[in-house]
Amino acid sequence: MRSYTVGDHITFETVYGQWFDGNIDDLHRDTVYMNGQAFSYKEIGAIKRERTKWNNKVNGVLLTTAGVGLFAIGAINGGIRGDAAKQWYTTSGYIVGGALIAGGVALIVTSKKYYPLGGRYKLQYLQIGRH
């Protein structure tokens, strides 16, 4: 759950496909005022996810690179030793390298940059005080 109030930074996409970025100037009834424009909460189609300390995309790239690097090191070492190609890797090497690559790809795929409103995510406004 994420809440926004006057002065907070927000980036969102309208239902018309336009992205807007800025600080909330005012919230009045069901309208968000930002950068001199007014948007009904029903016009907001998606909200950009704020970056956190854990970044799935960066960590996914690191894991994938580590997996590819593990396979590359195995091939280089096997070639230097003069081993047959089928002896370059052990079963544990396949498991660890494959798990690193698969985990990295999974993190990259799940690194959503925005929350689309409508199904799983909803935007609600809470009116406090006098009408």
Foldseek 3Di string as FASTA:
>chain_A
DDDAAAQDWWWFAFPVGDIDTAGFHHDDDQWTAGPNDIDGVNRTFKTFDDDDPDQLLVQLVVLLVVLVVLVVVLQVVCVVVVHDPVPSDDPVNCVSSVVSNVSSVVSNVPRDGIGGDDPPDHDDDDDDDDD
